[in-house]
Amino acid sequence: MKKTLYLLTLSLAAYACSPVNEEVQDEYVEVAPIPEALDTITSTRKDAVQTDENETDPTLPMPQPVMQLLTEQYEGWEKPTLAQEASAQAENYTQGPMIVRGDFNGDTYQDLALQLRQGNNVVIVAALQEDEENYELYELKRDILFNDRGTLKSLYYLYSIDQGEELHHDATNEDIEAPHDAIAVGVTGDTSVYLFQDGEFEEYTIE
């Protein structure tokens, strides 16, 4: 009997020391951190976009609508192998050399440009986002891949031109400030800048 009373007393004491369900304090609860949400560039605008840090693979993290358009319009496309010279030049820029992102038509949506391989050709393409789910592809340049001792490689590297950069239009001999982001396509000793104006891309050089 004494043993029973002793155990009952211990149980009551333990219960009195524990937090009541309705009165649980923060120190009794270990809350797991909320996972950081990573935005995609499929449906977010420029000021709310977090892009990946791996800029070398054009398959990530491209939106599904862009992947579908590439499959339809460039059957069998794949990531090109980059020539050593292009890789070395690309180290001077924060984006590229395979894919770059920016607002390339001034509508605040996040667009992208990439180079891809189709057969023996390297093709440079821009994908402009028209609304939340739709993109349109624009082919900027096409060239034959460089044959480096039996391995076909791209001599080109991409990087982005910021709004306000001074550009020169060779055909009209006019100098302008880029009204929005533009796409720079570099190759040994030469750079072309593609600026979207009046519904199409025009080629400029850097002033």
N, C-alpha and C. Protein backbone atom coordinates (compact mmCIF):
# COMPACT_ATOMS: atom_id res chain seq x y z
N MET A 1 0.84 -1.20 0.00
CA MET A 1 0.00 0.00 0.00
C MET A 1 0.86 1.24 0.00
N LYS A 2 1.90 1.23 0.85
CA LYS A 2 2.82 2.38 0.88
C LYS A 2 3.50 2.55 -0.47
N LYS A 3 3.86 1.42 -1.09
CA LYS A 3 4.53 1.48 -2.40
C LYS A 3 3.60 2.10 -3.45
N THR A 4 2.32 1.74 -3.37
CA THR A 4 1.35 2.28 -4.33
C THR A 4 1.20 3.77 -4.17
N LEU A 5 1.10 4.26 -2.91
CA LEU A 5 0.98 5.68 -2.64
C LEU A 5 2.21 6.44 -3.11
N TYR A 6 3.39 5.81 -2.93
CA TYR A 6 4.64 6.46 -3.33
C TYR A 6 4.68 6.66 -4.85
N LEU A 7 4.27 5.63 -5.62
CA LEU A 7 4.25 5.74 -7.08
C LEU A 7 3.23 6.75 -7.56
N LEU A 8 2.08 6.80 -6.89
CA LEU A 8 1.05 7.78 -7.25
C LEU A 8 1.54 9.19 -7.03
N THR A 9 2.27 9.39 -5.93
CA THR A 9 2.82 10.72 -5.62
C THR A 9 3.82 11.16 -6.68
N LEU A 10 4.68 10.24 -7.13
CA LEU A 10 5.66 10.55 -8.17
C LEU A 10 4.97 10.91 -9.48
N SER A 11 3.90 10.18 -9.82
CA SER A 11 3.19 10.45 -11.07
C SER A 11 2.56 11.82 -11.05
N LEU A 12 1.95 12.20 -9.93
CA LEU A 12 1.34 13.51 -9.81
C LEU A 12 2.37 14.62 -9.88
N ALA A 13 3.53 14.38 -9.31
CA ALA A 13 4.59 15.39 -9.33
C ALA A 13 5.11 15.59 -10.75
N ALA A 14 5.29 14.50 -11.49
CA ALA A 14 5.78 14.60 -12.87
C ALA A 14 4.78 15.32 -13.75
N TYR A 15 3.49 15.01 -13.54
CA TYR A 15 2.44 15.69 -14.33
C TYR A 15 2.39 17.17 -14.04
N ALA A 16 2.60 17.54 -12.77
CA ALA A 16 2.56 18.96 -12.39
C ALA A 16 3.71 19.73 -13.00
N CYS A 17 4.84 19.06 -13.27
CA CYS A 17 6.02 19.74 -13.83
C CYS A 17 5.97 19.83 -15.36
N SER A 18 5.07 19.09 -16.01
CA SER A 18 5.01 19.09 -17.47
C SER A 18 4.07 20.17 -17.95
N PRO A 19 4.32 20.74 -19.18
CA PRO A 19 3.45 21.80 -19.70
C PRO A 19 2.07 21.26 -20.04
N VAL A 20 1.03 21.98 -19.69
CA VAL A 20 -0.33 21.61 -20.06
C VAL A 20 -0.49 21.80 -21.56
N ASN A 21 -1.27 20.91 -22.21
CA ASN A 21 -1.41 20.96 -23.66
C ASN A 21 -1.79 22.33 -24.16
N GLU A 22 -2.74 22.98 -23.46
CA GLU A 22 -3.21 24.28 -23.92
C GLU A 22 -2.24 25.40 -23.59
N GLU A 23 -1.20 25.12 -22.80
CA GLU A 23 -0.30 26.17 -22.36
C GLU A 23 1.14 25.89 -22.79
N VAL A 24 1.33 25.24 -23.92
CA VAL A 24 2.67 24.91 -24.39
C VAL A 24 3.39 26.19 -24.79
N GLN A 25 4.58 26.41 -24.26
CA GLN A 25 5.38 27.58 -24.55
C GLN A 25 6.36 27.28 -25.68
N ASP A 26 6.94 28.34 -26.27
CA ASP A 26 7.85 28.17 -27.41
C ASP A 26 9.04 27.30 -27.07
N GLU A 27 9.52 27.41 -25.81
CA GLU A 27 10.73 26.67 -25.47
C GLU A 27 10.53 25.17 -25.45
N TYR A 28 9.27 24.72 -25.41
CA TYR A 28 8.99 23.29 -25.43
C TYR A 28 8.88 22.73 -26.84
N VAL A 29 8.81 23.63 -27.84
CA VAL A 29 8.57 23.19 -29.22
C VAL A 29 9.78 23.48 -30.08
N GLU A 30 10.29 22.49 -30.75
CA GLU A 30 11.41 22.66 -31.68
C GLU A 30 10.84 22.70 -33.09
N VAL A 31 10.85 23.90 -33.67
CA VAL A 31 10.25 24.09 -34.98
C VAL A 31 11.31 23.94 -36.06
N ALA A 32 11.03 23.10 -37.03
CA ALA A 32 11.97 22.92 -38.14
C ALA A 32 11.97 24.16 -39.01
N PRO A 33 13.13 24.55 -39.55
CA PRO A 33 13.17 25.75 -40.40
C PRO A 33 12.35 25.55 -41.67
N ILE A 34 11.72 26.61 -42.12
CA ILE A 34 10.93 26.55 -43.35
C ILE A 34 11.88 26.46 -44.54
N PRO A 35 11.71 25.48 -45.40
CA PRO A 35 12.62 25.37 -46.56
C PRO A 35 12.54 26.62 -47.40
N GLU A 36 13.67 27.05 -47.89
CA GLU A 36 13.72 28.23 -48.76
C GLU A 36 13.10 27.89 -50.10
N ALA A 37 12.15 28.69 -50.52
CA ALA A 37 11.47 28.45 -51.79
C ALA A 37 12.30 29.02 -52.92
N LEU A 38 12.58 28.20 -53.91
CA LEU A 38 13.33 28.65 -55.06
C LEU A 38 12.37 29.00 -56.18
N ASP A 39 12.44 30.25 -56.63
CA ASP A 39 11.57 30.69 -57.72
C ASP A 39 12.04 30.06 -59.02
N THR A 40 11.11 29.84 -59.92
CA THR A 40 11.48 29.43 -61.27
C THR A 40 11.28 30.61 -62.19
N ILE A 41 11.84 30.50 -63.38
CA ILE A 41 11.67 31.60 -64.31
C ILE A 41 10.49 31.35 -65.24
N THR A 42 9.67 30.39 -64.90
CA THR A 42 8.53 30.11 -65.75
C THR A 42 7.45 31.16 -65.61
N SER A 43 7.17 31.59 -64.40
CA SER A 43 6.01 32.46 -64.21
C SER A 43 6.27 33.60 -63.24
N THR A 44 7.52 33.96 -63.02
CA THR A 44 7.81 35.06 -62.13
C THR A 44 8.44 36.19 -62.91
N ARG A 45 8.23 37.40 -62.45
CA ARG A 45 8.79 38.54 -63.14
C ARG A 45 10.21 38.80 -62.69
N LYS A 46 10.86 39.73 -63.35
CA LYS A 46 12.29 39.96 -63.19
C LYS A 46 12.69 40.28 -61.76
N ASP A 47 11.86 41.05 -61.05
CA ASP A 47 12.25 41.47 -59.72
C ASP A 47 12.01 40.40 -58.68
N ALA A 48 11.55 39.22 -59.06
CA ALA A 48 11.29 38.17 -58.09
C ALA A 48 11.91 36.86 -58.52
N VAL A 49 12.96 36.93 -59.28
CA VAL A 49 13.55 35.72 -59.84
C VAL A 49 14.86 35.39 -59.15
N GLN A 50 15.00 34.16 -58.74
CA GLN A 50 16.27 33.65 -58.27
C GLN A 50 16.71 32.57 -59.23
N THR A 51 17.83 32.78 -59.89
CA THR A 51 18.29 31.83 -60.89
C THR A 51 19.32 30.90 -60.28
N ASP A 52 19.57 29.81 -60.97
CA ASP A 52 20.57 28.87 -60.49
C ASP A 52 21.97 29.43 -60.70
N GLU A 53 22.94 28.85 -60.00
CA GLU A 53 24.31 29.32 -60.12
C GLU A 53 25.08 28.54 -61.17
N ASN A 54 24.50 27.47 -61.66
CA ASN A 54 25.16 26.68 -62.69
C ASN A 54 24.70 27.16 -64.05
N GLU A 55 25.55 27.90 -64.74
CA GLU A 55 25.16 28.51 -66.01
C GLU A 55 25.66 27.70 -67.20
N THR A 56 26.21 26.51 -67.00
CA THR A 56 26.86 25.79 -68.08
C THR A 56 25.94 24.82 -68.80
N ASP A 57 24.83 24.44 -68.19
CA ASP A 57 23.97 23.43 -68.79
C ASP A 57 22.66 24.05 -69.24
N PRO A 58 22.40 24.08 -70.55
CA PRO A 58 21.19 24.76 -71.03
C PRO A 58 19.91 24.02 -70.70
N THR A 59 19.98 22.80 -70.17
CA THR A 59 18.76 22.07 -69.87
C THR A 59 18.21 22.45 -68.50
N LEU A 60 18.95 23.16 -67.69
CA LEU A 60 18.50 23.53 -66.36
C LEU A 60 18.72 25.01 -66.14
N PRO A 61 17.78 25.72 -65.53
CA PRO A 61 16.43 25.27 -65.20
C PRO A 61 15.44 25.86 -66.19
N MET A 62 15.57 25.56 -67.44
CA MET A 62 14.71 26.16 -68.45
C MET A 62 13.26 25.76 -68.23
N PRO A 63 12.34 26.71 -68.44
CA PRO A 63 10.92 26.40 -68.29
C PRO A 63 10.47 25.32 -69.28
N GLN A 64 9.48 24.56 -68.88
CA GLN A 64 8.97 23.49 -69.73
C GLN A 64 8.48 23.99 -71.08
N PRO A 65 7.80 25.15 -71.17
CA PRO A 65 7.38 25.63 -72.50
C PRO A 65 8.56 25.87 -73.45
N VAL A 66 9.70 26.33 -72.90
CA VAL A 66 10.88 26.54 -73.74
C VAL A 66 11.44 25.21 -74.21
N MET A 67 11.51 24.23 -73.31
CA MET A 67 11.99 22.90 -73.67
C MET A 67 11.13 22.31 -74.79
N GLN A 68 9.82 22.50 -74.68
CA GLN A 68 8.91 21.96 -75.69
C GLN A 68 9.12 22.62 -77.04
N LEU A 69 9.29 23.95 -77.05
CA LEU A 69 9.53 24.65 -78.31
C LEU A 69 10.84 24.22 -78.94
N LEU A 70 11.87 24.05 -78.14
CA LEU A 70 13.16 23.62 -78.68
C LEU A 70 13.05 22.23 -79.31
N THR A 71 12.32 21.34 -78.63
CA THR A 71 12.13 19.99 -79.16
C THR A 71 11.38 20.01 -80.48
N GLU A 72 10.38 20.90 -80.58
CA GLU A 72 9.58 20.98 -81.80
C GLU A 72 10.34 21.62 -82.96
N GLN A 73 11.10 22.67 -82.66
CA GLN A 73 11.73 23.44 -83.74
C GLN A 73 13.18 23.04 -84.02
N TYR A 74 13.82 22.37 -83.07
CA TYR A 74 15.22 21.96 -83.24
C TYR A 74 15.35 20.50 -82.83
N GLU A 75 14.75 19.67 -83.60
CA GLU A 75 14.70 18.24 -83.29
C GLU A 75 16.11 17.67 -83.10
N GLY A 76 16.28 16.93 -82.03
CA GLY A 76 17.57 16.30 -81.75
C GLY A 76 18.62 17.23 -81.18
N TRP A 77 18.22 18.42 -80.74
CA TRP A 77 19.19 19.38 -80.22
C TRP A 77 19.86 18.85 -78.95
N GLU A 78 21.05 19.35 -78.72
CA GLU A 78 21.80 18.99 -77.52
C GLU A 78 22.74 20.11 -77.14
N LYS A 79 23.33 19.98 -75.98
CA LYS A 79 24.29 20.98 -75.52
C LYS A 79 25.59 20.85 -76.29
N PRO A 80 26.11 21.93 -76.85
CA PRO A 80 27.38 21.83 -77.58
C PRO A 80 28.57 21.73 -76.64
N THR A 81 29.64 21.19 -77.16
CA THR A 81 30.91 21.21 -76.45
C THR A 81 31.61 22.53 -76.73
N LEU A 82 32.09 23.19 -75.69
CA LEU A 82 32.67 24.52 -75.85
C LEU A 82 34.18 24.42 -76.09
N ALA A 83 34.67 25.21 -77.04
CA ALA A 83 36.11 25.26 -77.29
C ALA A 83 36.82 25.92 -76.11
N GLN A 84 38.06 25.58 -75.91
CA GLN A 84 38.82 26.09 -74.77
C GLN A 84 38.92 27.62 -74.79
N GLU A 85 39.11 28.19 -75.97
CA GLU A 85 39.22 29.65 -76.07
C GLU A 85 37.93 30.33 -75.62
N ALA A 86 36.80 29.77 -76.00
CA ALA A 86 35.51 30.34 -75.59
C ALA A 86 35.31 30.22 -74.09
N SER A 87 35.70 29.10 -73.53
CA SER A 87 35.59 28.91 -72.07
C SER A 87 36.43 29.94 -71.33
N ALA A 88 37.63 30.18 -71.83
CA ALA A 88 38.52 31.14 -71.17
C ALA A 88 37.95 32.55 -71.24
N GLN A 89 37.39 32.94 -72.37
CA GLN A 89 36.80 34.27 -72.51
C GLN A 89 35.58 34.43 -71.61
N ALA A 90 34.81 33.38 -71.47
CA ALA A 90 33.57 33.43 -70.70
C ALA A 90 33.82 33.65 -69.21
N GLU A 91 35.02 33.35 -68.74
CA GLU A 91 35.32 33.54 -67.32
C GLU A 91 35.29 35.01 -66.91
N ASN A 92 35.29 35.91 -67.86
CA ASN A 92 35.25 37.34 -67.55
C ASN A 92 33.85 37.86 -67.25
N TYR A 93 32.83 37.00 -67.38
CA TYR A 93 31.45 37.46 -67.25
C TYR A 93 30.71 36.61 -66.23
N THR A 94 29.69 37.23 -65.62
CA THR A 94 28.94 36.54 -64.57
C THR A 94 27.92 35.56 -65.13
N GLN A 95 27.50 35.76 -66.38
CA GLN A 95 26.58 34.83 -67.01
C GLN A 95 27.22 34.21 -68.24
N GLY A 96 26.62 33.10 -68.67
CA GLY A 96 27.13 32.40 -69.84
C GLY A 96 28.01 31.24 -69.42
N PRO A 97 28.65 30.59 -70.33
CA PRO A 97 28.72 30.86 -71.78
C PRO A 97 27.61 30.19 -72.60
N MET A 98 26.89 29.23 -71.97
CA MET A 98 25.88 28.49 -72.72
C MET A 98 24.51 29.15 -72.68
N ILE A 99 24.18 29.79 -71.55
CA ILE A 99 22.84 30.33 -71.38
C ILE A 99 22.91 31.62 -70.58
N VAL A 100 22.09 32.59 -70.95
CA VAL A 100 22.02 33.85 -70.22
C VAL A 100 20.55 34.21 -70.03
N ARG A 101 20.28 35.02 -69.01
CA ARG A 101 18.91 35.44 -68.72
C ARG A 101 18.85 36.94 -68.54
N GLY A 102 17.71 37.52 -68.86
CA GLY A 102 17.52 38.95 -68.68
C GLY A 102 16.18 39.36 -69.24
N ASP A 103 15.86 40.62 -69.12
CA ASP A 103 14.65 41.16 -69.72
C ASP A 103 15.03 41.71 -71.09
N PHE A 104 14.93 40.88 -72.11
CA PHE A 104 15.46 41.21 -73.42
C PHE A 104 14.49 41.99 -74.32
N ASN A 105 13.27 42.22 -73.85
CA ASN A 105 12.35 43.03 -74.65
C ASN A 105 11.66 44.12 -73.84
N GLY A 106 12.08 44.31 -72.60
CA GLY A 106 11.60 45.44 -71.82
C GLY A 106 10.21 45.30 -71.24
N ASP A 107 9.68 44.07 -71.15
CA ASP A 107 8.32 43.90 -70.62
C ASP A 107 8.30 43.41 -69.17
N THR A 108 9.47 43.36 -68.54
CA THR A 108 9.70 42.94 -67.14
C THR A 108 9.65 41.42 -66.94
N TYR A 109 9.28 40.66 -67.97
CA TYR A 109 9.37 39.20 -67.84
C TYR A 109 10.82 38.75 -68.04
N GLN A 110 11.16 37.64 -67.42
CA GLN A 110 12.50 37.09 -67.53
C GLN A 110 12.61 36.22 -68.79
N ASP A 111 13.50 36.62 -69.70
CA ASP A 111 13.73 35.89 -70.94
C ASP A 111 15.06 35.14 -70.83
N LEU A 112 15.36 34.35 -71.85
CA LEU A 112 16.65 33.67 -71.86
C LEU A 112 17.15 33.49 -73.28
N ALA A 113 18.44 33.26 -73.38
CA ALA A 113 19.08 32.95 -74.66
C ALA A 113 20.07 31.82 -74.41
N LEU A 114 20.24 30.97 -75.39
CA LEU A 114 21.16 29.84 -75.23
C LEU A 114 21.75 29.46 -76.58
N GLN A 115 22.84 28.72 -76.51
CA GLN A 115 23.39 28.12 -77.72
C GLN A 115 23.18 26.62 -77.62
N LEU A 116 22.86 26.02 -78.76
CA LEU A 116 22.62 24.60 -78.81
C LEU A 116 23.28 24.01 -80.05
N ARG A 117 23.43 22.72 -80.01
CA ARG A 117 23.99 22.01 -81.16
C ARG A 117 22.87 21.26 -81.86
N GLN A 118 22.81 21.40 -83.18
CA GLN A 118 21.90 20.62 -84.00
C GLN A 118 22.69 20.10 -85.19
N GLY A 119 22.99 18.82 -85.15
CA GLY A 119 23.84 18.23 -86.19
C GLY A 119 25.24 18.81 -86.11
N ASN A 120 25.73 19.36 -87.22
CA ASN A 120 27.06 19.96 -87.27
C ASN A 120 27.04 21.46 -87.04
N ASN A 121 25.90 21.98 -86.64
CA ASN A 121 25.75 23.42 -86.48
C ASN A 121 25.59 23.82 -85.01
N VAL A 122 26.07 25.02 -84.71
CA VAL A 122 25.76 25.66 -83.44
C VAL A 122 24.70 26.72 -83.75
N VAL A 123 23.65 26.74 -82.96
CA VAL A 123 22.53 27.67 -83.16
C VAL A 123 22.34 28.48 -81.88
N ILE A 124 22.24 29.78 -82.03
CA ILE A 124 22.01 30.65 -80.88
C ILE A 124 20.58 31.16 -80.95
N VAL A 125 19.83 30.92 -79.88
CA VAL A 125 18.40 31.15 -79.87
C VAL A 125 18.02 32.00 -78.66
N ALA A 126 17.07 32.91 -78.86
CA ALA A 126 16.49 33.66 -77.74
C ALA A 126 15.06 33.18 -77.53
N ALA A 127 14.67 33.05 -76.27
CA ALA A 127 13.29 32.68 -75.91
C ALA A 127 12.70 33.82 -75.10
N LEU A 128 11.76 34.53 -75.69
CA LEU A 128 11.12 35.66 -75.03
C LEU A 128 9.79 35.23 -74.45
N GLN A 129 9.59 35.56 -73.17
CA GLN A 129 8.35 35.19 -72.50
C GLN A 129 7.27 36.21 -72.83
N GLU A 130 6.16 35.71 -73.40
CA GLU A 130 5.07 36.59 -73.81
C GLU A 130 4.03 36.78 -72.71
N ASP A 131 3.78 35.74 -71.93
CA ASP A 131 2.89 35.83 -70.78
C ASP A 131 3.31 34.75 -69.79
N GLU A 132 2.42 34.41 -68.87
CA GLU A 132 2.81 33.50 -67.79
C GLU A 132 3.30 32.14 -68.28
N GLU A 133 2.78 31.65 -69.41
CA GLU A 133 3.11 30.29 -69.83
C GLU A 133 3.63 30.18 -71.26
N ASN A 134 3.67 31.28 -71.99
CA ASN A 134 4.02 31.19 -73.41
C ASN A 134 5.32 31.94 -73.73
N TYR A 135 6.12 31.32 -74.59
CA TYR A 135 7.37 31.90 -75.06
C TYR A 135 7.39 31.87 -76.59
N GLU A 136 8.24 32.70 -77.15
CA GLU A 136 8.48 32.67 -78.59
C GLU A 136 9.98 32.59 -78.84
N LEU A 137 10.38 31.73 -79.76
CA LEU A 137 11.79 31.55 -80.07
C LEU A 137 12.21 32.44 -81.23
N TYR A 138 13.42 32.98 -81.13
CA TYR A 138 14.03 33.78 -82.19
C TYR A 138 15.43 33.24 -82.44
N GLU A 139 15.71 32.84 -83.68
CA GLU A 139 17.05 32.37 -84.01
C GLU A 139 17.94 33.57 -84.31
N LEU A 140 19.01 33.72 -83.53
CA LEU A 140 19.90 34.87 -83.68
C LEU A 140 21.07 34.58 -84.60
N LYS A 141 21.59 33.38 -84.54
CA LYS A 141 22.80 33.07 -85.32
C LYS A 141 22.91 31.56 -85.51
N ARG A 142 23.49 31.17 -86.65
CA ARG A 142 23.74 29.76 -86.94
C ARG A 142 25.09 29.67 -87.63
N ASP A 143 25.91 28.70 -87.20
CA ASP A 143 27.24 28.56 -87.78
C ASP A 143 27.66 27.10 -87.68
N ILE A 144 28.68 26.74 -88.46
CA ILE A 144 29.22 25.38 -88.42
C ILE A 144 30.12 25.23 -87.20
N LEU A 145 29.99 24.11 -86.52
CA LEU A 145 30.84 23.83 -85.37
C LEU A 145 32.29 23.64 -85.81
N PHE A 146 33.20 24.03 -84.95
CA PHE A 146 34.62 23.92 -85.22
C PHE A 146 35.09 22.49 -84.96
N ASN A 147 35.82 21.94 -85.92
CA ASN A 147 36.32 20.58 -85.80
C ASN A 147 37.69 20.61 -85.13
N ASP A 148 37.72 20.25 -83.86
CA ASP A 148 38.95 20.25 -83.08
C ASP A 148 39.46 18.82 -82.96
N ARG A 149 40.27 18.40 -83.94
CA ARG A 149 40.86 17.06 -83.98
C ARG A 149 39.80 15.97 -83.81
N GLY A 150 38.73 16.14 -84.58
CA GLY A 150 37.68 15.12 -84.59
C GLY A 150 36.52 15.38 -83.67
N THR A 151 36.64 16.37 -82.81
CA THR A 151 35.55 16.73 -81.89
C THR A 151 34.96 18.07 -82.31
N LEU A 152 33.66 18.10 -82.55
CA LEU A 152 32.99 19.33 -82.96
C LEU A 152 32.73 20.21 -81.73
N LYS A 153 33.18 21.47 -81.82
CA LYS A 153 33.06 22.37 -80.68
C LYS A 153 32.53 23.73 -81.11
N SER A 154 31.91 24.42 -80.16
CA SER A 154 31.44 25.78 -80.41
C SER A 154 32.51 26.78 -80.01
N LEU A 155 32.75 27.75 -80.89
CA LEU A 155 33.69 28.82 -80.59
C LEU A 155 33.01 30.01 -79.93
N TYR A 156 31.69 29.93 -79.74
CA TYR A 156 30.92 31.06 -79.24
C TYR A 156 30.70 30.99 -77.73
N TYR A 157 30.55 32.16 -77.13
CA TYR A 157 30.17 32.24 -75.72
C TYR A 157 29.17 33.39 -75.57
N LEU A 158 28.23 33.22 -74.67
CA LEU A 158 27.19 34.21 -74.45
C LEU A 158 27.43 34.96 -73.15
N TYR A 159 27.04 36.21 -73.13
CA TYR A 159 26.96 36.96 -71.87
C TYR A 159 25.90 38.05 -72.04
N SER A 160 25.52 38.68 -70.96
CA SER A 160 24.43 39.65 -71.01
C SER A 160 24.95 41.08 -71.04
N ILE A 161 24.22 41.93 -71.74
CA ILE A 161 24.49 43.36 -71.79
C ILE A 161 23.41 44.07 -70.98
N ASP A 162 23.80 44.89 -70.05
CA ASP A 162 22.82 45.56 -69.18
C ASP A 162 22.19 46.76 -69.86
N GLN A 163 21.01 47.09 -69.40
CA GLN A 163 20.34 48.31 -69.84
C GLN A 163 21.25 49.51 -69.64
N GLY A 164 21.29 50.40 -70.62
CA GLY A 164 22.12 51.60 -70.53
C GLY A 164 23.48 51.47 -71.17
N GLU A 165 23.86 50.26 -71.58
CA GLU A 165 25.15 50.06 -72.25
C GLU A 165 25.14 50.78 -73.60
N GLU A 166 26.25 51.42 -73.95
CA GLU A 166 26.35 52.11 -75.23
C GLU A 166 26.63 51.11 -76.36
N LEU A 167 25.79 51.18 -77.39
CA LEU A 167 25.90 50.27 -78.52
C LEU A 167 26.00 51.04 -79.82
N HIS A 168 26.59 50.40 -80.82
CA HIS A 168 26.74 51.03 -82.14
C HIS A 168 26.08 50.16 -83.19
N HIS A 169 25.28 50.80 -84.05
CA HIS A 169 24.62 50.11 -85.15
C HIS A 169 25.43 50.37 -86.42
N ASP A 170 26.08 49.33 -86.92
CA ASP A 170 26.97 49.51 -88.06
C ASP A 170 26.23 49.94 -89.32
N ALA A 171 25.03 49.41 -89.53
CA ALA A 171 24.30 49.71 -90.76
C ALA A 171 23.88 51.17 -90.84
N THR A 172 23.47 51.74 -89.70
CA THR A 172 23.01 53.15 -89.71
C THR A 172 24.06 54.10 -89.15
N ASN A 173 25.14 53.53 -88.60
CA ASN A 173 26.20 54.33 -87.98
C ASN A 173 25.69 55.17 -86.80
N GLU A 174 24.69 54.64 -86.11
CA GLU A 174 24.10 55.33 -84.97
C GLU A 174 24.57 54.72 -83.65
N ASP A 175 24.73 55.55 -82.65
CA ASP A 175 25.05 55.11 -81.30
C ASP A 175 23.81 55.27 -80.42
N ILE A 176 23.51 54.25 -79.62
CA ILE A 176 22.37 54.32 -78.73
C ILE A 176 22.74 53.74 -77.37
N GLU A 177 21.92 54.02 -76.38
CA GLU A 177 22.01 53.35 -75.10
C GLU A 177 20.95 52.25 -75.07
N ALA A 178 21.35 51.07 -74.70
CA ALA A 178 20.41 49.94 -74.70
C ALA A 178 19.23 50.25 -73.79
N PRO A 179 18.00 50.24 -74.31
CA PRO A 179 16.83 50.55 -73.49
C PRO A 179 16.46 49.45 -72.50
N HIS A 180 17.01 48.27 -72.70
CA HIS A 180 16.80 47.13 -71.81
C HIS A 180 17.95 46.16 -72.01
N ASP A 181 17.92 45.03 -71.35
CA ASP A 181 19.00 44.05 -71.48
C ASP A 181 19.13 43.57 -72.92
N ALA A 182 20.33 43.14 -73.28
CA ALA A 182 20.59 42.61 -74.61
C ALA A 182 21.47 41.37 -74.50
N ILE A 183 21.62 40.68 -75.61
CA ILE A 183 22.36 39.41 -75.65
C ILE A 183 23.66 39.62 -76.40
N ALA A 184 24.77 39.34 -75.75
CA ALA A 184 26.08 39.44 -76.38
C ALA A 184 26.54 38.04 -76.80
N VAL A 185 26.99 37.94 -78.05
CA VAL A 185 27.51 36.69 -78.59
C VAL A 185 28.96 36.93 -78.98
N GLY A 186 29.85 36.34 -78.23
CA GLY A 186 31.28 36.54 -78.46
C GLY A 186 31.92 35.37 -79.18
N VAL A 187 32.90 35.70 -79.99
CA VAL A 187 33.75 34.72 -80.64
C VAL A 187 35.12 35.37 -80.71
N THR A 188 36.16 34.61 -80.86
CA THR A 188 37.52 35.14 -80.77
C THR A 188 37.69 36.44 -81.55
N GLY A 189 37.95 37.52 -80.80
CA GLY A 189 38.23 38.81 -81.42
C GLY A 189 37.01 39.59 -81.88
N ASP A 190 35.81 39.10 -81.61
CA ASP A 190 34.63 39.79 -82.13
C ASP A 190 33.44 39.54 -81.20
N THR A 191 32.56 40.56 -81.08
CA THR A 191 31.35 40.44 -80.28
C THR A 191 30.19 41.09 -81.00
N SER A 192 29.09 40.39 -81.11
CA SER A 192 27.85 40.93 -81.65
C SER A 192 26.84 41.03 -80.52
N VAL A 193 26.08 42.12 -80.52
CA VAL A 193 25.05 42.33 -79.50
C VAL A 193 23.70 42.33 -80.19
N TYR A 194 22.78 41.52 -79.68
CA TYR A 194 21.44 41.42 -80.26
C TYR A 194 20.46 42.12 -79.34
N LEU A 195 19.87 43.21 -79.87
CA LEU A 195 18.94 44.05 -79.13
C LEU A 195 17.56 43.93 -79.76
N PHE A 196 16.55 43.67 -78.93
CA PHE A 196 15.19 43.50 -79.44
C PHE A 196 14.52 44.85 -79.57
N GLN A 197 14.08 45.18 -80.80
CA GLN A 197 13.42 46.43 -81.08
C GLN A 197 12.37 46.23 -82.16
N ASP A 198 11.20 46.82 -81.95
CA ASP A 198 10.12 46.79 -82.95
C ASP A 198 9.82 45.37 -83.43
N GLY A 199 9.78 44.45 -82.48
CA GLY A 199 9.35 43.09 -82.80
C GLY A 199 10.40 42.17 -83.36
N GLU A 200 11.67 42.60 -83.40
CA GLU A 200 12.73 41.72 -83.91
C GLU A 200 14.07 42.11 -83.28
N PHE A 201 15.02 41.20 -83.39
CA PHE A 201 16.37 41.46 -82.89
C PHE A 201 17.20 42.13 -83.98
N GLU A 202 17.90 43.17 -83.58
CA GLU A 202 18.85 43.84 -84.47
C GLU A 202 20.26 43.69 -83.92
N GLU A 203 21.21 43.60 -84.83
CA GLU A 203 22.60 43.35 -84.43
C GLU A 203 23.35 44.68 -84.24
N TYR A 204 24.03 44.78 -83.11
CA TYR A 204 24.83 45.95 -82.76
C TYR A 204 26.23 45.48 -82.37
N THR A 205 27.11 46.44 -82.21
CA THR A 205 28.41 46.19 -81.63
C THR A 205 28.56 47.06 -80.38
N ILE A 206 29.52 46.72 -79.56
CA ILE A 206 29.74 47.47 -78.33
C ILE A 206 30.57 48.70 -78.64
N GLU A 207 30.09 49.85 -78.20
CA GLU A 207 30.77 51.13 -78.49
C GLU A 207 32.05 51.24 -77.67
